[in-house]
């Protein structure tokens, strides 16, 4: 039951942040902070995923944050923060799988945009909506 609540909080956070990212190319930090706090409150009551696995899951986000710093913001720092929170929610392998699905989806959309000349290679596309879609795919088991 607690995992359902954690997944619900994570999904709601990703949906709201994804919509904001689509509309404004940014999202409010307080939403991710609130989601992280609510997930943290639920963790002591969950035994499905171990705490060490949840902490290791946040390393995916830490890696994205480091890449953001190295590339001077070519990849959004907020994407890394979101992946840290989803890592705590999902654990290492589920978060890594979600990240790879999101990367694949964003790559497909980018290729389509480039091929149809609706964007050039310098155009930034929001990534959080792809994380949300990948989260949903992972939760329904496609």
N, C-alpha and C. Protein backbone atom coordinates (compact mmCIF):
# COMPACT_ATOMS: atom_id res chain seq x y z
N UNK A 1 0.82 -1.20 0.00
CA UNK A 1 0.00 0.00 0.00
C UNK A 1 0.87 1.27 0.00
N UNK A 2 1.94 1.23 0.77
CA UNK A 2 2.82 2.41 0.85
C UNK A 2 3.48 2.67 -0.50
N UNK A 3 3.85 1.60 -1.23
CA UNK A 3 4.46 1.78 -2.55
C UNK A 3 3.49 2.45 -3.51
N UNK A 4 2.20 2.15 -3.38
CA UNK A 4 1.19 2.79 -4.22
C UNK A 4 1.15 4.29 -3.93
N UNK A 5 1.25 4.65 -2.67
CA UNK A 5 1.25 6.06 -2.27
C UNK A 5 2.52 6.74 -2.79
N UNK A 6 3.66 6.08 -2.63
CA UNK A 6 4.93 6.64 -3.12
C UNK A 6 4.87 6.84 -4.63
N UNK A 7 4.36 5.84 -5.35
CA UNK A 7 4.24 5.96 -6.80
C UNK A 7 3.26 7.06 -7.18
N UNK A 8 2.19 7.22 -6.42
CA UNK A 8 1.23 8.29 -6.68
C UNK A 8 1.84 9.67 -6.49
N UNK A 9 2.59 9.83 -5.43
CA UNK A 9 3.28 11.11 -5.18
C UNK A 9 4.28 11.39 -6.29
N UNK A 10 5.06 10.38 -6.65
CA UNK A 10 6.06 10.54 -7.70
C UNK A 10 5.40 10.89 -9.03
N UNK A 11 4.34 10.17 -9.38
CA UNK A 11 3.64 10.44 -10.63
C UNK A 11 3.04 11.82 -10.68
N UNK A 12 2.43 12.25 -9.57
CA UNK A 12 1.83 13.59 -9.52
C UNK A 12 2.90 14.66 -9.66
N UNK A 13 4.02 14.47 -8.97
CA UNK A 13 5.13 15.43 -9.07
C UNK A 13 5.65 15.51 -10.50
N UNK A 14 5.84 14.36 -11.14
CA UNK A 14 6.35 14.34 -12.51
C UNK A 14 5.35 14.96 -13.48
N UNK A 15 4.06 14.70 -13.27
CA UNK A 15 3.05 15.27 -14.16
C UNK A 15 3.05 16.80 -14.07
N UNK A 16 3.01 17.33 -12.86
CA UNK A 16 2.98 18.79 -12.67
C UNK A 16 4.26 19.42 -13.21
N UNK A 17 5.41 18.86 -12.84
CA UNK A 17 6.69 19.41 -13.31
C UNK A 17 6.83 19.26 -14.83
N UNK A 18 6.34 18.16 -15.38
CA UNK A 18 6.41 17.95 -16.82
C UNK A 18 5.57 18.97 -17.59
N UNK A 19 4.38 19.26 -17.08
CA UNK A 19 3.53 20.26 -17.73
C UNK A 19 4.16 21.65 -17.65
N UNK A 20 4.74 21.97 -16.49
CA UNK A 20 5.42 23.26 -16.35
C UNK A 20 6.63 23.34 -17.26
N UNK A 21 7.38 22.25 -17.37
CA UNK A 21 8.56 22.22 -18.23
C UNK A 21 8.17 22.41 -19.70
N UNK A 22 7.05 21.82 -20.10
CA UNK A 22 6.56 22.01 -21.47
C UNK A 22 6.17 23.45 -21.73
N UNK A 23 5.46 24.04 -20.77
CA UNK A 23 4.92 25.38 -20.97
C UNK A 23 5.97 26.48 -20.79
N UNK A 24 6.78 26.38 -19.72
CA UNK A 24 7.67 27.48 -19.35
C UNK A 24 9.16 27.16 -19.54
N UNK A 25 9.49 25.92 -19.91
CA UNK A 25 10.89 25.47 -20.02
C UNK A 25 11.60 25.48 -18.67
N UNK A 26 10.82 25.47 -17.60
CA UNK A 26 11.35 25.33 -16.24
C UNK A 26 10.20 24.86 -15.36
N UNK A 27 10.52 24.47 -14.13
CA UNK A 27 9.48 24.08 -13.19
C UNK A 27 9.85 24.59 -11.81
N UNK A 28 8.84 24.68 -10.96
CA UNK A 28 9.05 25.24 -9.63
C UNK A 28 9.74 24.23 -8.72
N UNK A 29 10.79 24.67 -8.07
CA UNK A 29 11.57 23.82 -7.18
C UNK A 29 10.76 23.34 -6.00
N UNK A 30 9.82 24.16 -5.53
CA UNK A 30 9.06 23.78 -4.33
C UNK A 30 8.22 22.53 -4.58
N UNK A 31 7.84 22.28 -5.82
CA UNK A 31 7.05 21.08 -6.12
C UNK A 31 7.92 19.84 -5.95
N UNK A 32 9.15 19.89 -6.44
CA UNK A 32 10.04 18.75 -6.28
C UNK A 32 10.43 18.58 -4.81
N UNK A 33 10.61 19.68 -4.12
CA UNK A 33 10.93 19.61 -2.69
C UNK A 33 9.77 18.98 -1.92
N UNK A 34 8.56 19.42 -2.20
CA UNK A 34 7.38 18.84 -1.54
C UNK A 34 7.26 17.35 -1.85
N UNK A 35 7.43 16.98 -3.13
CA UNK A 35 7.38 15.57 -3.50
C UNK A 35 8.43 14.76 -2.76
N UNK A 36 9.65 15.28 -2.69
CA UNK A 36 10.72 14.58 -1.98
C UNK A 36 10.43 14.42 -0.50
N UNK A 37 9.87 15.45 0.12
CA UNK A 37 9.54 15.37 1.55
C UNK A 37 8.44 14.34 1.79
N UNK A 38 7.40 14.36 0.96
CA UNK A 38 6.30 13.40 1.12
C UNK A 38 6.77 11.97 0.91
N UNK A 39 7.63 11.77 -0.08
CA UNK A 39 8.19 10.43 -0.31
C UNK A 39 9.04 10.02 0.89
N UNK A 40 9.85 10.95 1.40
CA UNK A 40 10.68 10.66 2.57
C UNK A 40 9.87 10.27 3.79
N UNK A 41 8.71 10.89 3.96
CA UNK A 41 7.83 10.54 5.09
C UNK A 41 7.32 9.10 4.95
N UNK A 42 7.09 8.66 3.73
CA UNK A 42 6.56 7.32 3.49
C UNK A 42 7.61 6.21 3.62
N UNK A 43 8.88 6.55 3.42
CA UNK A 43 9.93 5.53 3.35
C UNK A 43 10.02 4.60 4.57
N UNK A 44 9.89 5.09 5.80
CA UNK A 44 10.02 4.17 6.93
C UNK A 44 8.94 3.08 6.95
N UNK A 45 7.86 3.29 6.22
CA UNK A 45 6.75 2.34 6.23
C UNK A 45 6.80 1.38 5.04
N UNK A 46 7.81 1.51 4.21
CA UNK A 46 7.94 0.67 3.02
C UNK A 46 9.07 -0.33 3.20
N UNK A 47 8.80 -1.57 2.83
CA UNK A 47 9.85 -2.59 2.92
C UNK A 47 10.10 -3.27 1.58
N UNK A 48 9.42 -2.81 0.53
CA UNK A 48 9.56 -3.43 -0.79
C UNK A 48 10.94 -3.15 -1.38
N UNK A 49 11.39 -1.90 -1.30
CA UNK A 49 12.70 -1.50 -1.79
C UNK A 49 13.52 -1.06 -0.59
N UNK A 50 14.74 -1.55 -0.48
CA UNK A 50 15.56 -1.22 0.68
C UNK A 50 16.04 0.23 0.62
N UNK A 51 16.34 0.78 1.77
CA UNK A 51 16.85 2.15 1.86
C UNK A 51 18.16 2.30 1.08
N UNK A 52 19.12 1.37 1.21
CA UNK A 52 20.35 1.51 0.41
C UNK A 52 20.08 1.53 -1.10
N UNK A 53 19.13 0.71 -1.56
CA UNK A 53 18.80 0.71 -2.99
C UNK A 53 18.18 2.04 -3.40
N UNK A 54 17.37 2.60 -2.53
CA UNK A 54 16.76 3.90 -2.82
C UNK A 54 17.83 5.00 -2.89
N UNK A 55 18.78 4.95 -1.96
CA UNK A 55 19.86 5.95 -1.98
C UNK A 55 20.74 5.78 -3.22
N UNK A 56 21.02 4.54 -3.59
CA UNK A 56 21.79 4.30 -4.82
C UNK A 56 21.01 4.77 -6.04
N UNK A 57 19.68 4.68 -5.99
CA UNK A 57 18.84 5.15 -7.09
C UNK A 57 19.02 6.62 -7.37
N UNK A 58 19.30 7.38 -6.33
CA UNK A 58 19.47 8.82 -6.53
C UNK A 58 20.79 9.14 -7.26
N UNK A 59 21.69 8.17 -7.37
CA UNK A 59 22.95 8.40 -8.07
C UNK A 59 22.75 8.71 -9.55
N UNK A 60 21.64 8.20 -10.13
CA UNK A 60 21.35 8.52 -11.53
C UNK A 60 21.19 10.04 -11.65
N UNK A 61 20.45 10.63 -10.73
CA UNK A 61 20.25 12.07 -10.73
C UNK A 61 21.53 12.83 -10.44
N UNK A 62 22.33 12.30 -9.53
CA UNK A 62 23.62 12.94 -9.22
C UNK A 62 24.50 12.96 -10.47
N UNK A 63 24.47 11.86 -11.23
CA UNK A 63 25.23 11.82 -12.47
C UNK A 63 24.78 12.88 -13.46
N UNK A 64 23.47 13.08 -13.58
CA UNK A 64 22.94 14.10 -14.50
C UNK A 64 23.31 15.49 -14.00
N UNK A 65 23.28 15.71 -12.69
CA UNK A 65 23.68 17.01 -12.13
C UNK A 65 25.15 17.27 -12.45
N UNK A 66 26.00 16.27 -12.31
CA UNK A 66 27.43 16.44 -12.64
C UNK A 66 27.62 16.75 -14.12
N UNK A 67 26.87 16.06 -14.99
CA UNK A 67 26.95 16.35 -16.42
C UNK A 67 26.49 17.78 -16.69
N UNK A 68 25.45 18.23 -15.99
CA UNK A 68 24.97 19.60 -16.15
C UNK A 68 26.06 20.60 -15.77
N UNK A 69 26.77 20.32 -14.69
CA UNK A 69 27.85 21.22 -14.27
C UNK A 69 29.00 21.22 -15.28
N UNK A 70 29.35 20.04 -15.77
CA UNK A 70 30.45 19.92 -16.72
C UNK A 70 30.12 20.63 -18.03
N UNK A 71 28.87 20.49 -18.49
CA UNK A 71 28.47 21.09 -19.78
C UNK A 71 27.95 22.51 -19.63
N UNK A 72 28.06 23.06 -18.43
CA UNK A 72 27.63 24.43 -18.15
C UNK A 72 26.15 24.65 -18.50
N UNK A 73 25.33 23.68 -18.10
CA UNK A 73 23.88 23.84 -18.21
C UNK A 73 23.26 23.38 -19.51
N UNK A 74 24.00 22.69 -20.36
CA UNK A 74 23.40 22.17 -21.60
C UNK A 74 22.31 21.14 -21.27
N UNK A 75 22.50 20.44 -20.17
CA UNK A 75 21.48 19.55 -19.62
C UNK A 75 21.00 20.22 -18.34
N UNK A 76 19.70 20.27 -18.15
CA UNK A 76 19.16 20.99 -17.01
C UNK A 76 19.49 20.37 -15.66
N UNK A 77 19.86 21.21 -14.73
CA UNK A 77 20.13 20.77 -13.37
C UNK A 77 18.85 20.21 -12.73
N UNK A 78 17.72 20.81 -13.08
CA UNK A 78 16.44 20.35 -12.54
C UNK A 78 16.12 18.92 -12.92
N UNK A 79 16.54 18.51 -14.12
CA UNK A 79 16.33 17.13 -14.54
C UNK A 79 17.06 16.17 -13.59
N UNK A 80 18.26 16.56 -13.18
CA UNK A 80 19.02 15.75 -12.23
C UNK A 80 18.35 15.69 -10.88
N UNK A 81 17.80 16.81 -10.43
CA UNK A 81 17.10 16.84 -9.14
C UNK A 81 15.88 15.92 -9.19
N UNK A 82 15.13 16.01 -10.28
CA UNK A 82 13.96 15.13 -10.46
C UNK A 82 14.40 13.67 -10.41
N UNK A 83 15.50 13.33 -11.09
CA UNK A 83 15.98 11.95 -11.12
C UNK A 83 16.50 11.49 -9.75
N UNK A 84 17.00 12.41 -8.95
CA UNK A 84 17.38 12.06 -7.57
C UNK A 84 16.15 11.63 -6.78
N UNK A 85 15.08 12.40 -6.92
CA UNK A 85 13.85 12.10 -6.18
C UNK A 85 13.21 10.81 -6.70
N UNK A 86 13.17 10.63 -8.02
CA UNK A 86 12.61 9.38 -8.54
C UNK A 86 13.48 8.19 -8.14
N UNK A 87 14.78 8.41 -8.00
CA UNK A 87 15.67 7.34 -7.55
C UNK A 87 15.34 6.89 -6.14
N UNK A 88 15.02 7.85 -5.28
CA UNK A 88 14.63 7.50 -3.91
C UNK A 88 13.28 6.80 -3.91
N UNK A 89 12.43 7.16 -4.84
CA UNK A 89 11.12 6.54 -4.96
C UNK A 89 11.19 5.13 -5.55
N UNK A 90 12.01 4.95 -6.58
CA UNK A 90 11.98 3.70 -7.36
C UNK A 90 13.13 2.74 -7.07
N UNK A 91 14.23 3.23 -6.54
CA UNK A 91 15.41 2.38 -6.38
C UNK A 91 16.30 2.48 -7.60
N UNK A 92 17.47 1.89 -7.50
CA UNK A 92 18.51 2.05 -8.53
C UNK A 92 18.08 1.55 -9.91
N UNK A 93 17.73 0.28 -10.02
CA UNK A 93 17.51 -0.29 -11.35
C UNK A 93 16.24 0.24 -12.01
N UNK A 94 15.18 0.43 -11.24
CA UNK A 94 13.95 0.99 -11.82
C UNK A 94 14.17 2.43 -12.27
N UNK A 95 14.94 3.20 -11.51
CA UNK A 95 15.22 4.58 -11.90
C UNK A 95 16.11 4.62 -13.14
N UNK A 96 17.10 3.74 -13.17
CA UNK A 96 17.99 3.69 -14.33
C UNK A 96 17.21 3.28 -15.58
N UNK A 97 16.33 2.31 -15.44
CA UNK A 97 15.49 1.88 -16.56
C UNK A 97 14.59 3.03 -17.04
N UNK A 98 13.98 3.74 -16.08
CA UNK A 98 13.13 4.87 -16.44
C UNK A 98 13.93 5.94 -17.17
N UNK A 99 15.13 6.23 -16.70
CA UNK A 99 15.99 7.22 -17.33
C UNK A 99 16.33 6.81 -18.77
N UNK A 100 16.66 5.55 -18.98
CA UNK A 100 16.99 5.08 -20.33
C UNK A 100 15.78 5.15 -21.26
N UNK A 101 14.60 4.82 -20.76
CA UNK A 101 13.39 4.94 -21.58
C UNK A 101 13.14 6.41 -21.94
N UNK A 102 13.30 7.30 -20.96
CA UNK A 102 13.11 8.74 -21.21
C UNK A 102 14.11 9.25 -22.24
N UNK A 103 15.37 8.81 -22.14
CA UNK A 103 16.38 9.20 -23.13
C UNK A 103 16.01 8.69 -24.52
N UNK A 104 15.54 7.47 -24.59
CA UNK A 104 15.15 6.89 -25.88
C UNK A 104 13.99 7.67 -26.50
N UNK A 105 12.97 7.96 -25.68
CA UNK A 105 11.81 8.71 -26.18
C UNK A 105 12.21 10.10 -26.65
N UNK A 106 13.04 10.78 -25.87
CA UNK A 106 13.44 12.13 -26.26
C UNK A 106 14.31 12.10 -27.52
N UNK A 107 15.10 11.06 -27.67
CA UNK A 107 15.91 10.91 -28.89
C UNK A 107 15.03 10.73 -30.12
N UNK A 108 14.00 9.91 -30.00
CA UNK A 108 13.08 9.68 -31.12
C UNK A 108 12.39 10.98 -31.51
N UNK A 109 11.89 11.72 -30.52
CA UNK A 109 11.22 12.99 -30.80
C UNK A 109 12.20 13.98 -31.42
N UNK A 110 13.42 14.03 -30.92
CA UNK A 110 14.43 14.93 -31.46
C UNK A 110 14.74 14.61 -32.92
N UNK A 111 14.87 13.34 -33.23
CA UNK A 111 15.14 12.93 -34.61
C UNK A 111 13.99 13.35 -35.52
N UNK A 112 12.76 13.15 -35.06
CA UNK A 112 11.59 13.56 -35.85
C UNK A 112 11.57 15.07 -36.05
N UNK A 113 11.85 15.83 -35.00
CA UNK A 113 11.87 17.29 -35.12
C UNK A 113 12.96 17.75 -36.08
N UNK A 114 14.12 17.12 -36.02
CA UNK A 114 15.22 17.47 -36.94
C UNK A 114 14.88 17.09 -38.38
N UNK A 115 14.32 15.91 -38.55
CA UNK A 115 14.00 15.43 -39.91
C UNK A 115 12.92 16.27 -40.57
N UNK A 116 11.98 16.77 -39.78
CA UNK A 116 10.90 17.59 -40.34
C UNK A 116 11.24 19.08 -40.34
N UNK A 117 12.47 19.39 -39.95
CA UNK A 117 12.97 20.77 -39.90
C UNK A 117 12.14 21.68 -38.99
N UNK A 118 11.54 21.09 -37.96
CA UNK A 118 10.80 21.88 -36.98
C UNK A 118 11.72 22.37 -35.86
N UNK A 119 12.95 21.86 -35.87
CA UNK A 119 13.95 22.29 -34.88
C UNK A 119 15.33 22.07 -35.48
N UNK A 120 16.29 22.85 -34.97
CA UNK A 120 17.68 22.59 -35.35
C UNK A 120 18.37 21.91 -34.18
N UNK A 121 19.62 21.58 -34.33
CA UNK A 121 20.30 20.81 -33.28
C UNK A 121 20.57 21.61 -32.02
N UNK A 122 20.41 22.91 -32.08
CA UNK A 122 20.63 23.74 -30.90
C UNK A 122 19.36 23.95 -30.08
N UNK A 123 18.22 23.54 -30.61
CA UNK A 123 16.96 23.73 -29.90
C UNK A 123 16.89 22.81 -28.69
N UNK A 124 16.55 23.39 -27.57
CA UNK A 124 16.39 22.61 -26.33
C UNK A 124 14.95 22.09 -26.25
N UNK A 125 14.82 20.84 -25.86
CA UNK A 125 13.48 20.31 -25.63
C UNK A 125 13.36 19.93 -24.16
N UNK A 126 12.19 20.10 -23.58
CA UNK A 126 12.02 19.75 -22.16
C UNK A 126 12.13 18.24 -21.96
N UNK A 127 12.81 17.84 -20.89
CA UNK A 127 13.06 16.42 -20.64
C UNK A 127 12.10 15.81 -19.63
N UNK A 128 11.58 16.60 -18.70
CA UNK A 128 10.72 16.05 -17.64
C UNK A 128 9.47 15.36 -18.21
N UNK A 129 8.84 15.88 -19.28
CA UNK A 129 7.70 15.14 -19.82
C UNK A 129 8.07 13.71 -20.26
N UNK A 130 9.28 13.54 -20.77
CA UNK A 130 9.73 12.20 -21.16
C UNK A 130 9.97 11.33 -19.92
N UNK A 131 10.44 11.94 -18.84
CA UNK A 131 10.60 11.19 -17.60
C UNK A 131 9.23 10.73 -17.11
N UNK A 132 8.23 11.61 -17.19
CA UNK A 132 6.88 11.23 -16.77
C UNK A 132 6.34 10.08 -17.61
N UNK A 133 6.48 10.18 -18.93
CA UNK A 133 5.99 9.10 -19.80
C UNK A 133 6.72 7.79 -19.50
N UNK A 134 8.02 7.86 -19.30
CA UNK A 134 8.80 6.67 -18.97
C UNK A 134 8.37 6.09 -17.62
N UNK A 135 8.04 6.96 -16.65
CA UNK A 135 7.55 6.50 -15.36
C UNK A 135 6.25 5.72 -15.52
N UNK A 136 5.33 6.28 -16.32
CA UNK A 136 4.04 5.62 -16.56
C UNK A 136 4.27 4.28 -17.26
N UNK A 137 5.13 4.25 -18.26
CA UNK A 137 5.43 3.00 -18.95
C UNK A 137 5.97 1.96 -17.97
N UNK A 138 6.88 2.38 -17.11
CA UNK A 138 7.45 1.47 -16.12
C UNK A 138 6.44 0.97 -15.10
N UNK A 139 5.51 1.81 -14.72
CA UNK A 139 4.52 1.41 -13.72
C UNK A 139 3.45 0.48 -14.29
N UNK A 140 3.09 0.64 -15.58
CA UNK A 140 2.08 -0.24 -16.15
C UNK A 140 2.70 -1.47 -16.80
N UNK A 141 4.03 -1.46 -16.87
CA UNK A 141 4.75 -2.65 -17.30
C UNK A 141 4.82 -2.91 -18.79
N UNK A 142 4.86 -1.86 -19.59
CA UNK A 142 5.00 -2.05 -21.04
C UNK A 142 6.42 -2.39 -21.40
